[in-house]
Amino acid sequence: MNKKLRSTLGLLALLIIILVVGGIYLFVFQSGGISERQEKLDELNANVYDPEELSARFLSLERRSAELDSILSARKFNIPQEVASIKFYNFMNNIISNFSHTTQVNVEYIDMIRDKEFFVHQYRLTGSGYFNDVYGIIYAIEQSKELKKVTQLSLGNLIRTDKDGVPLFLVSFELTAQVYYSADSRFAPAASLENNLVSGPLYDAFYPLIRNEIPPNVDELLDVQGAKLLALIPEGAFVADTKGNTYLVWEGEQVYLGYLTKIDYDNNSVSFILNKGGIIEKVNLELDKYQ
């Protein structure tokens, strides 16, 4: 066997060995990796979507989202996602900004608790104010779009006087408010509009029917007690109080603690209605017959 043939046979044998070793490596050692990659490739090919199909699906989902938002917006109450505890302080500032300066409210954060699948911020509110202001606070909390509840409430009557000595009949209160929120956005729309939180006036159940406090005559109105009717003229009546001050009054005009209700020209008299701390009194003044 010549040298050239031996070289050819050697190369052929080497090639066969390489092929055998490569085949063993591919089909024995890498068969699992190849199968896994083939499965992944098949999965990716199965999930390949046409761009127009993806666009159509996006528009459909967008319309569905808008419908769900509309349904949630139409509900009277929503439970928002992840509400910061400071948000309630801003809510209360907006509510009491339209109240009388006499009404005072203190807000104290208590704790965060769990109520089934929801979370709850708890606050304690204390203060005092006019009855309708206090009612407005309770109404705003209960009627707010983002769910809030008053769980405990204590009310009492309170009397103060202003700088002129006029008694103010107020209501003291202490209540516990709860603010609900959720860990996800399923219970509230993307954008929420607040409900109407303005409450109509109510009869003040804490205002005393009969009061010991009589407001001072800070406006220097005519004090009918002990007054004397001086004359009747077409424009009204001249009345003098106990200090000698003379007033010209007419029907419907305000006097101290009441109003002039009638001028009787036929009987030369005038009539007043006075409210003395809840006790209604009628006072008549007549001209002196010798005048």
C-alpha atoms as a PDB file:
ATOM      1  CA  MET A   1       0.000   0.000   0.000  1.00  0.00           C
ATOM      2  CA  ASN A   2       1.489   3.213  -1.101  1.00  0.00           C
ATOM      3  CA  LYS A   3       1.809   6.327   1.042  1.00  0.00           C
ATOM      4  CA  LYS A   4      -0.959   8.271  -0.703  1.00  0.00           C
ATOM      5  CA  LEU A   5      -3.552   5.576  -0.098  1.00  0.00           C
ATOM      6  CA  ARG A   6      -2.594   5.279   3.561  1.00  0.00           C
ATOM      7  CA  SER A   7      -3.036   9.037   4.040  1.00  0.00           C
ATOM      8  CA  THR A   8      -6.439   8.940   2.357  1.00  0.00           C
ATOM      9  CA  LEU A   9      -7.605   6.056   4.515  1.00  0.00           C
ATOM     10  CA  GLY A  10      -6.328   7.844   7.646  1.00  0.00           C
ATOM     11  CA  LEU A  11      -8.250  11.032   6.846  1.00  0.00           C
ATOM     12  CA  LEU A  12     -11.355   9.006   6.073  1.00  0.00           C
ATOM     13  CA  ALA A  13     -11.065   7.195   9.405  1.00  0.00           C
ATOM     14  CA  LEU A  14     -10.588  10.537  11.230  1.00  0.00           C
ATOM     15  CA  LEU A  15     -13.649  11.969   9.501  1.00  0.00           C
ATOM     16  CA  ILE A  16     -15.707   8.952  10.508  1.00  0.00           C
ATOM     17  CA  ILE A  17     -14.552   9.300  14.135  1.00  0.00           C
ATOM     18  CA  ILE A  18     -15.493  13.034  14.145  1.00  0.00           C
ATOM     19  CA  LEU A  19     -18.917  12.284  12.714  1.00  0.00           C
ATOM     20  CA  VAL A  20     -19.536   9.520  15.232  1.00  0.00           C
ATOM     21  CA  VAL A  21     -18.410  11.665  18.175  1.00  0.00           C
ATOM     22  CA  GLY A  22     -20.457  14.656  16.912  1.00  0.00           C
ATOM     23  CA  GLY A  23     -23.523  12.476  16.442  1.00  0.00           C
ATOM     24  CA  ILE A  24     -23.186  11.023  19.914  1.00  0.00           C
ATOM     25  CA  TYR A  25     -22.844  14.554  21.386  1.00  0.00           C
ATOM     26  CA  LEU A  26     -25.830  15.923  19.472  1.00  0.00           C
ATOM     27  CA  PHE A  27     -28.258  13.054  19.883  1.00  0.00           C
ATOM     28  CA  VAL A  28     -27.224  11.876  23.327  1.00  0.00           C
ATOM     29  CA  PHE A  29     -25.974  14.858  25.311  1.00  0.00           C
ATOM     30  CA  GLN A  30     -27.950  17.716  23.672  1.00  0.00           C
ATOM     31  CA  SER A  31     -31.145  15.917  22.709  1.00  0.00           C
ATOM     32  CA  GLY A  32     -32.987  17.306  25.800  1.00  0.00           C
ATOM     33  CA  GLY A  33     -31.912  20.905  25.108  1.00  0.00           C
ATOM     34  CA  ILE A  34     -32.882  20.653  21.463  1.00  0.00           C
ATOM     35  CA  SER A  35     -36.326  19.285  22.349  1.00  0.00           C
ATOM     36  CA  GLU A  36     -36.875  22.079  24.886  1.00  0.00           C
ATOM     37  CA  ARG A  37     -35.898  24.754  22.386  1.00  0.00           C
ATOM     38  CA  GLN A  38     -38.098  23.194  19.734  1.00  0.00           C
ATOM     39  CA  GLU A  39     -41.067  23.249  22.092  1.00  0.00           C
ATOM     40  CA  LYS A  40     -40.382  26.910  22.918  1.00  0.00           C
ATOM     41  CA  LEU A  41     -40.159  27.715  19.220  1.00  0.00           C
ATOM     42  CA  ASP A  42     -43.441  25.924  18.546  1.00  0.00           C
ATOM     43  CA  GLU A  43     -45.074  27.878  21.411  1.00  0.00           C
ATOM     44  CA  LEU A  44     -43.821  31.212  20.056  1.00  0.00           C
ATOM     45  CA  ASN A  45     -45.024  30.330  16.579  1.00  0.00           C
ATOM     46  CA  ALA A  46     -48.423  29.425  17.987  1.00  0.00           C
ATOM     47  CA  ASN A  47     -48.733  32.843  19.701  1.00  0.00           C
ATOM     48  CA  VAL A  48     -47.745  34.920  16.734  1.00  0.00           C
ATOM     49  CA  TYR A  49     -50.585  37.395  15.999  1.00  0.00           C
ATOM     50  CA  ASP A  50     -51.251  39.504  13.033  1.00  0.00           C
ATOM     51  CA  PRO A  51     -50.819  43.268  13.800  1.00  0.00           C
ATOM     52  CA  GLU A  52     -54.358  44.016  12.580  1.00  0.00           C
ATOM     53  CA  GLU A  53     -55.734  41.299  14.864  1.00  0.00           C
ATOM     54  CA  LEU A  54     -53.810  42.746  17.817  1.00  0.00           C
ATOM     55  CA  SER A  55     -55.153  46.236  17.033  1.00  0.00           C
ATOM     56  CA  ALA A  56     -58.735  44.909  16.887  1.00  0.00           C
ATOM     57  CA  ARG A  57     -58.312  43.131  20.216  1.00  0.00           C
ATOM     58  CA  PHE A  58     -56.882  46.300  21.788  1.00  0.00           C
ATOM     59  CA  LEU A  59     -59.862  48.381  20.638  1.00  0.00           C
ATOM     60  CA  SER A  60     -62.269  45.770  21.971  1.00  0.00           C
ATOM     61  CA  LEU A  61     -60.566  45.722  25.366  1.00  0.00           C
ATOM     62  CA  GLU A  62     -60.503  49.531  25.442  1.00  0.00           C
ATOM     63  CA  ARG A  63     -64.269  49.678  24.835  1.00  0.00           C
ATOM     64  CA  ARG A  64     -64.845  47.090  27.549  1.00  0.00           C
ATOM     65  CA  SER A  65     -62.702  49.069  29.973  1.00  0.00           C
ATOM     66  CA  ALA A  66     -64.705  52.237  29.219  1.00  0.00           C
ATOM     67  CA  GLU A  67     -67.958  50.332  29.846  1.00  0.00           C
ATOM     68  CA  LEU A  68     -66.714  49.072  33.206  1.00  0.00           C
ATOM     69  CA  ASP A  69     -65.549  52.587  34.143  1.00  0.00           C
ATOM     70  CA  SER A  70     -68.995  53.915  33.233  1.00  0.00           C
ATOM     71  CA  ILE A  71     -70.699  51.304  35.419  1.00  0.00           C
ATOM     72  CA  LEU A  72     -68.416  52.068  38.374  1.00  0.00           C
ATOM     73  CA  SER A  73     -68.874  55.837  37.921  1.00  0.00           C
ATOM     74  CA  ALA A  74     -72.655  55.423  38.002  1.00  0.00           C
ATOM     75  CA  ARG A  75     -72.491  53.780  41.423  1.00  0.00           C
ATOM     76  CA  LYS A  76     -73.113  56.063  44.373  1.00  0.00           C
ATOM     77  CA  PHE A  77     -70.004  54.849  46.212  1.00  0.00           C
ATOM     78  CA  ASN A  78     -66.624  53.497  45.101  1.00  0.00           C
ATOM     79  CA  ILE A  79     -63.730  51.946  47.003  1.00  0.00           C
ATOM     80  CA  PRO A  80     -60.502  53.414  45.589  1.00  0.00           C
ATOM     81  CA  GLN A  81     -57.099  51.804  45.431  1.00  0.00           C
ATOM     82  CA  GLU A  82     -54.339  52.591  47.945  1.00  0.00           C
ATOM     83  CA  VAL A  83     -55.607  55.771  49.631  1.00  0.00           C
ATOM     84  CA  ALA A  84     -52.995  57.779  51.556  1.00  0.00           C
ATOM     85  CA  SER A  85     -54.008  58.613  55.126  1.00  0.00           C
ATOM     86  CA  ILE A  86     -53.385  62.347  54.557  1.00  0.00           C
ATOM     87  CA  LYS A  87     -56.101  62.503  51.890  1.00  0.00           C
ATOM     88  CA  PHE A  88     -58.844  62.566  54.532  1.00  0.00           C
ATOM     89  CA  TYR A  89     -57.312  65.703  56.089  1.00  0.00           C
ATOM     90  CA  ASN A  90     -57.571  67.457  52.713  1.00  0.00           C
ATOM     91  CA  PHE A  91     -61.139  66.208  52.375  1.00  0.00           C
ATOM     92  CA  MET A  92     -62.112  67.704  55.747  1.00  0.00           C
ATOM     93  CA  ASN A  93     -60.372  71.017  54.993  1.00  0.00           C
ATOM     94  CA  ASN A  94     -62.466  71.361  51.838  1.00  0.00           C
ATOM     95  CA  ILE A  95     -65.661  70.565  53.743  1.00  0.00           C
ATOM     96  CA  ILE A  96     -65.215  72.997  56.638  1.00  0.00           C
ATOM     97  CA  SER A  97     -63.845  75.825  54.474  1.00  0.00           C
ATOM     98  CA  ASN A  98     -67.435  76.994  53.819  1.00  0.00           C
ATOM     99  CA  PHE A  99     -68.537  76.778  57.453  1.00  0.00           C
ATOM    100  CA  SER A 100     -68.729  79.525  60.050  1.00  0.00           C
ATOM    101  CA  HIS A 101     -65.440  80.437  61.730  1.00  0.00           C
ATOM    102  CA  THR A 102     -67.153  79.501  64.998  1.00  0.00           C
ATOM    103  CA  THR A 103     -67.145  75.835  63.960  1.00  0.00           C
ATOM    104  CA  GLN A 104     -63.920  74.091  64.953  1.00  0.00           C
ATOM    105  CA  VAL A 105     -62.862  70.547  63.990  1.00  0.00           C
ATOM    106  CA  ASN A 106     -59.872  68.493  65.147  1.00  0.00           C
ATOM    107  CA  VAL A 107     -58.906  65.389  63.133  1.00  0.00           C
ATOM    108  CA  GLU A 108     -56.743  62.646  64.662  1.00  0.00           C
ATOM    109  CA  TYR A 109     -55.501  59.555  62.840  1.00  0.00           C
ATOM    110  CA  ILE A 110     -56.107  56.388  64.892  1.00  0.00           C
ATOM    111  CA  ASP A 111     -55.081  53.265  63.016  1.00  0.00           C
ATOM    112  CA  MET A 112     -55.310  51.151  59.863  1.00  0.00           C
ATOM    113  CA  ILE A 113     -57.384  47.966  60.151  1.00  0.00           C
ATOM    114  CA  ARG A 114     -58.552  45.178  57.845  1.00  0.00           C
ATOM    115  CA  ASP A 115     -62.245  44.665  57.020  1.00  0.00           C
ATOM    116  CA  LYS A 116     -62.569  41.416  55.057  1.00  0.00           C
ATOM    117  CA  GLU A 117     -60.889  42.087  51.704  1.00  0.00           C
ATOM    118  CA  PHE A 118     -60.633  45.858  52.237  1.00  0.00           C
ATOM    119  CA  PHE A 119     -58.388  48.144  54.282  1.00  0.00           C
ATOM    120  CA  VAL A 120     -59.683  50.923  56.529  1.00  0.00           C
ATOM    121  CA  HIS A 121     -58.111  54.149  57.835  1.00  0.00           C
ATOM    122  CA  GLN A 122     -59.688  55.201  61.138  1.00  0.00           C
ATOM    123  CA  TYR A 123     -59.920  58.819  62.356  1.00  0.00           C
ATOM    124  CA  ARG A 124     -61.291  60.547  65.458  1.00  0.00           C
ATOM    125  CA  LEU A 125     -63.009  63.926  64.914  1.00  0.00           C
ATOM    126  CA  THR A 126     -63.763  66.253  67.822  1.00  0.00           C
ATOM    127  CA  GLY A 127     -64.920  69.846  68.002  1.00  0.00           C
ATOM    128  CA  SER A 128     -67.930  72.110  68.180  1.00  0.00           C
ATOM    129  CA  GLY A 129     -70.002  74.344  65.965  1.00  0.00           C
ATOM    130  CA  TYR A 130     -73.441  75.286  64.788  1.00  0.00           C
ATOM    131  CA  PHE A 131     -75.859  72.394  64.476  1.00  0.00           C
ATOM    132  CA  ASN A 132     -76.102  72.557  60.684  1.00  0.00           C
ATOM    133  CA  ASP A 133     -72.309  72.716  60.346  1.00  0.00           C
ATOM    134  CA  VAL A 134     -71.934  69.568  62.442  1.00  0.00           C
ATOM    135  CA  TYR A 135     -74.668  67.908  60.416  1.00  0.00           C
ATOM    136  CA  GLY A 136     -72.860  68.992  57.243  1.00  0.00           C
ATOM    137  CA  ILE A 137     -69.680  67.211  58.411  1.00  0.00           C
ATOM    138  CA  ILE A 138     -71.556  63.966  59.072  1.00  0.00           C
ATOM    139  CA  TYR A 139     -73.456  64.268  55.775  1.00  0.00           C
ATOM    140  CA  ALA A 140     -70.278  64.856  53.758  1.00  0.00           C
ATOM    141  CA  ILE A 141     -68.526  61.839  55.268  1.00  0.00           C
ATOM    142  CA  GLU A 142     -71.493  59.543  54.698  1.00  0.00           C
ATOM    143  CA  GLN A 143     -72.245  60.775  51.169  1.00  0.00           C
ATOM    144  CA  SER A 144     -68.691  60.966  49.813  1.00  0.00           C
ATOM    145  CA  LYS A 145     -68.069  59.116  46.541  1.00  0.00           C
ATOM    146  CA  GLU A 146     -65.042  57.311  47.978  1.00  0.00           C
ATOM    147  CA  LEU A 147     -66.610  55.133  50.664  1.00  0.00           C
ATOM    148  CA  LYS A 148     -66.445  56.639  54.168  1.00  0.00           C
ATOM    149  CA  LYS A 149     -68.511  55.791  57.229  1.00  0.00           C
ATOM    150  CA  VAL A 150     -69.269  57.309  60.629  1.00  0.00           C
ATOM    151  CA  THR A 151     -69.156  54.415  63.084  1.00  0.00           C
ATOM    152  CA  GLN A 152     -69.448  56.185  66.443  1.00  0.00           C
ATOM    153  CA  LEU A 153     -71.055  59.537  67.269  1.00  0.00           C
ATOM    154  CA  SER A 154     -71.532  61.536  70.445  1.00  0.00           C
ATOM    155  CA  LEU A 155     -73.306  64.943  70.516  1.00  0.00           C
ATOM    156  CA  GLY A 156     -73.869  67.502  73.264  1.00  0.00           C
ATOM    157  CA  ASN A 157     -75.049  71.087  73.659  1.00  0.00           C
ATOM    158  CA  LEU A 158     -72.575  73.914  74.267  1.00  0.00           C
ATOM    159  CA  ILE A 159     -73.167  77.618  74.990  1.00  0.00           C
ATOM    160  CA  ARG A 160     -70.580  80.303  74.256  1.00  0.00           C
ATOM    161  CA  THR A 161     -70.702  84.067  73.966  1.00  0.00           C
ATOM    162  CA  ASP A 162     -69.148  86.144  71.236  1.00  0.00           C
ATOM    163  CA  LYS A 163     -67.169  89.343  71.746  1.00  0.00           C
ATOM    164  CA  ASP A 164     -70.404  91.361  72.064  1.00  0.00           C
ATOM    165  CA  GLY A 165     -71.804  89.062  74.734  1.00  0.00           C
ATOM    166  CA  VAL A 166     -74.359  87.446  72.411  1.00  0.00           C
ATOM    167  CA  PRO A 167     -74.936  83.793  73.403  1.00  0.00           C
ATOM    168  CA  LEU A 168     -74.067  81.167  70.780  1.00  0.00           C
ATOM    169  CA  PHE A 169     -75.921  77.879  71.054  1.00  0.00           C
ATOM    170  CA  LEU A 170     -73.535  75.293  69.631  1.00  0.00           C
ATOM    171  CA  VAL A 171     -73.167  71.511  69.419  1.00  0.00           C
ATOM    172  CA  SER A 172     -70.104  69.650  70.682  1.00  0.00           C
ATOM    173  CA  PHE A 173     -69.302  66.371  68.953  1.00  0.00           C
ATOM    174  CA  GLU A 174     -66.959  63.406  68.893  1.00  0.00           C
ATOM    175  CA  LEU A 175     -67.113  60.825  66.127  1.00  0.00           C
ATOM    176  CA  THR A 176     -65.119  58.021  64.560  1.00  0.00           C
ATOM    177  CA  ALA A 177     -64.808  57.987  60.774  1.00  0.00           C
ATOM    178  CA  GLN A 178     -63.598  55.130  58.597  1.00  0.00           C
ATOM    179  CA  VAL A 179     -62.120  55.525  55.095  1.00  0.00           C
ATOM    180  CA  TYR A 180     -62.167  52.383  52.946  1.00  0.00           C
ATOM    181  CA  TYR A 181     -59.695  51.424  50.229  1.00  0.00           C
ATOM    182  CA  SER A 182     -58.661  48.331  48.284  1.00  0.00           C
ATOM    183  CA  ALA A 183     -55.391  46.743  47.245  1.00  0.00           C
ATOM    184  CA  ASP A 184     -56.456  46.760  43.566  1.00  0.00           C
ATOM    185  CA  SER A 185     -58.487  48.937  41.197  1.00  0.00           C
ATOM    186  CA  ARG A 186     -61.516  46.670  40.705  1.00  0.00           C
ATOM    187  CA  PHE A 187     -63.878  48.776  42.799  1.00  0.00           C
ATOM    188  CA  ALA A 188     -63.346  52.284  41.391  1.00  0.00           C
ATOM    189  CA  PRO A 189     -63.160  53.940  37.960  1.00  0.00           C
ATOM    190  CA  ALA A 190     -59.976  55.465  36.588  1.00  0.00           C
ATOM    191  CA  ALA A 191     -61.360  58.986  37.163  1.00  0.00           C
ATOM    192  CA  SER A 192     -63.955  59.667  39.848  1.00  0.00           C
ATOM    193  CA  LEU A 193     -66.185  62.723  40.374  1.00  0.00           C
ATOM    194  CA  GLU A 194     -67.208  63.624  43.921  1.00  0.00           C
ATOM    195  CA  ASN A 195     -70.877  63.479  44.934  1.00  0.00           C
ATOM    196  CA  ASN A 196     -72.801  66.588  45.917  1.00  0.00           C
ATOM    197  CA  LEU A 197     -71.820  67.048  49.570  1.00  0.00           C
ATOM    198  CA  VAL A 198     -73.908  70.169  50.290  1.00  0.00           C
ATOM    199  CA  SER A 199     -76.641  69.384  52.811  1.00  0.00           C
ATOM    200  CA  GLY A 200     -79.816  71.387  53.202  1.00  0.00           C
ATOM    201  CA  PRO A 201     -80.521  73.152  56.520  1.00  0.00           C
ATOM    202  CA  LEU A 202     -82.232  71.190  59.285  1.00  0.00           C
ATOM    203  CA  TYR A 203     -84.127  72.291  62.362  1.00  0.00           C
ATOM    204  CA  ASP A 204     -81.632  72.743  65.190  1.00  0.00           C
ATOM    205  CA  ALA A 205     -82.720  70.096  67.693  1.00  0.00           C
ATOM    206  CA  PHE A 206     -80.170  71.428  70.226  1.00  0.00           C
ATOM    207  CA  TYR A 207     -81.397  75.026  70.169  1.00  0.00           C
ATOM    208  CA  PRO A 208     -83.215  75.678  73.487  1.00  0.00           C
ATOM    209  CA  LEU A 209     -86.878  76.600  73.260  1.00  0.00           C
ATOM    210  CA  ILE A 210     -86.602  78.759  76.390  1.00  0.00           C
ATOM    211  CA  ARG A 211     -83.316  80.502  77.157  1.00  0.00           C
ATOM    212  CA  ASN A 212     -81.997  82.379  80.161  1.00  0.00           C
ATOM    213  CA  GLU A 213     -79.558  84.325  78.008  1.00  0.00           C
ATOM    214  CA  ILE A 214     -80.923  87.493  76.406  1.00  0.00           C
ATOM    215  CA  PRO A 215     -78.662  88.998  73.725  1.00  0.00           C
ATOM    216  CA  PRO A 216     -77.493  92.560  74.425  1.00  0.00           C
ATOM    217  CA  ASN A 217     -78.802  95.462  72.375  1.00  0.00           C
ATOM    218  CA  VAL A 218     -75.565  95.899  70.426  1.00  0.00           C
ATOM    219  CA  ASP A 219     -77.315  97.602  67.462  1.00  0.00           C
ATOM    220  CA  GLU A 220     -78.980 100.167  69.758  1.00  0.00           C
ATOM    221  CA  LEU A 221     -82.451  99.278  68.541  1.00  0.00           C
ATOM    222  CA  LEU A 222     -85.617 100.603  70.145  1.00  0.00           C
ATOM    223  CA  ASP A 223     -86.210  98.887  73.495  1.00  0.00           C
ATOM    224  CA  VAL A 224     -89.984  98.597  73.761  1.00  0.00           C
ATOM    225  CA  GLN A 225     -89.999  97.811  77.496  1.00  0.00           C
ATOM    226  CA  GLY A 226     -91.118 100.998  79.291  1.00  0.00           C
ATOM    227  CA  ALA A 227     -91.280 102.916  75.980  1.00  0.00           C
ATOM    228  CA  LYS A 228     -93.909 105.571  75.233  1.00  0.00           C
ATOM    229  CA  LEU A 229     -95.830 106.214  72.007  1.00  0.00           C
ATOM    230  CA  LEU A 230     -95.458 109.905  71.153  1.00  0.00           C
ATOM    231  CA  ALA A 231     -97.255 110.322  67.822  1.00  0.00           C
ATOM    232  CA  LEU A 232     -98.611 108.552  64.748  1.00  0.00           C
ATOM    233  CA  ILE A 233     -97.835 109.892  61.292  1.00  0.00           C
ATOM    234  CA  PRO A 234     -98.393 108.425  57.809  1.00  0.00           C
ATOM    235  CA  GLU A 235     -94.748 107.382  57.639  1.00  0.00           C
ATOM    236  CA  GLY A 236     -94.907 105.425  60.935  1.00  0.00           C
ATOM    237  CA  ALA A 237     -94.848 106.039  64.655  1.00  0.00           C
ATOM    238  CA  PHE A 238     -92.665 108.109  66.989  1.00  0.00           C
ATOM    239  CA  VAL A 239     -91.684 106.096  70.079  1.00  0.00           C
ATOM    240  CA  ALA A 240     -89.456 107.180  72.972  1.00  0.00           C
ATOM    241  CA  ASP A 241     -87.550 104.665  75.123  1.00  0.00           C
ATOM    242  CA  THR A 242     -86.868 104.951  78.848  1.00  0.00           C
ATOM    243  CA  LYS A 243     -83.632 106.861  78.181  1.00  0.00           C
ATOM    244  CA  GLY A 244     -85.460 109.612  76.286  1.00  0.00           C
ATOM    245  CA  ASN A 245     -84.237 108.502  72.825  1.00  0.00           C
ATOM    246  CA  THR A 246     -86.852 108.954  70.093  1.00  0.00           C
ATOM    247  CA  TYR A 247     -87.289 106.522  67.184  1.00  0.00           C
ATOM    248  CA  LEU A 248     -89.386 106.632  64.028  1.00  0.00           C
ATOM    249  CA  VAL A 249     -90.543 103.069  63.328  1.00  0.00           C
ATOM    250  CA  TRP A 250     -92.931 101.513  60.826  1.00  0.00           C
ATOM    251  CA  GLU A 251     -94.646  98.178  60.369  1.00  0.00           C
ATOM    252  CA  GLY A 252     -92.180  95.314  59.964  1.00  0.00           C
ATOM    253  CA  GLU A 253     -89.198  97.213  61.348  1.00  0.00           C
ATOM    254  CA  GLN A 254     -86.949  95.403  63.784  1.00  0.00           C
ATOM    255  CA  VAL A 255     -86.767  96.531  67.400  1.00  0.00           C
ATOM    256  CA  TYR A 256     -84.802  95.081  70.293  1.00  0.00           C
ATOM    257  CA  LEU A 257     -85.887  91.400  70.666  1.00  0.00           C
ATOM    258  CA  GLY A 258     -88.664  91.691  68.108  1.00  0.00           C
ATOM    259  CA  TYR A 259     -90.584  93.625  65.450  1.00  0.00           C
ATOM    260  CA  LEU A 260     -93.279  96.239  65.085  1.00  0.00           C
ATOM    261  CA  THR A 261     -96.218  94.202  63.747  1.00  0.00           C
ATOM    262  CA  LYS A 262     -99.059  96.740  63.420  1.00  0.00           C
ATOM    263  CA  ILE A 263     -99.848 100.461  63.499  1.00  0.00           C
ATOM    264  CA  ASP A 264    -103.529 100.978  64.359  1.00  0.00           C
ATOM    265  CA  TYR A 265    -104.464 104.517  63.328  1.00  0.00           C
ATOM    266  CA  ASP A 266    -108.105 104.035  64.332  1.00  0.00           C
ATOM    267  CA  ASN A 267    -107.265 103.185  67.934  1.00  0.00           C
ATOM    268  CA  ASN A 268    -104.073 105.283  68.133  1.00  0.00           C
ATOM    269  CA  SER A 269    -101.894 102.299  69.107  1.00  0.00           C
ATOM    270  CA  VAL A 270     -98.970 100.186  67.924  1.00  0.00           C
ATOM    271  CA  SER A 271     -98.269  96.479  68.520  1.00  0.00           C
ATOM    272  CA  PHE A 272     -94.942  94.693  68.918  1.00  0.00           C
ATOM    273  CA  ILE A 273     -93.979  91.016  69.083  1.00  0.00           C
ATOM    274  CA  LEU A 274     -90.955  90.262  71.276  1.00  0.00           C
ATOM    275  CA  ASN A 275     -88.997  87.022  71.710  1.00  0.00           C
ATOM    276  CA  LYS A 276     -87.588  86.943  75.237  1.00  0.00           C
ATOM    277  CA  GLY A 277     -85.422  83.869  75.237  1.00  0.00           C
ATOM    278  CA  GLY A 278     -88.065  81.713  73.600  1.00  0.00           C
ATOM    279  CA  ILE A 279     -90.997  83.289  75.413  1.00  0.00           C
ATOM    280  CA  ILE A 280     -93.122  85.213  72.925  1.00  0.00           C
ATOM    281  CA  GLU A 281     -94.675  88.388  74.279  1.00  0.00           C
ATOM    282  CA  LYS A 282     -97.028  90.906  72.654  1.00  0.00           C
ATOM    283  CA  VAL A 283     -96.636  94.552  73.691  1.00  0.00           C
ATOM    284  CA  ASN A 284     -99.122  97.318  72.858  1.00  0.00           C
ATOM    285  CA  LEU A 285     -98.412 101.044  73.193  1.00  0.00           C
ATOM    286  CA  GLU A 286    -101.202 103.646  73.066  1.00  0.00           C
ATOM    287  CA  LEU A 287    -101.189 107.403  72.699  1.00  0.00           C
ATOM    288  CA  ASP A 288    -101.841 109.404  75.813  1.00  0.00           C
ATOM    289  CA  LYS A 289    -105.475 110.502  75.651  1.00  0.00           C
ATOM    290  CA  TYR A 290    -104.547 113.998  76.780  1.00  0.00           C
ATOM    291  CA  GLN A 291    -102.090 114.535  73.934  1.00  0.00           C
END
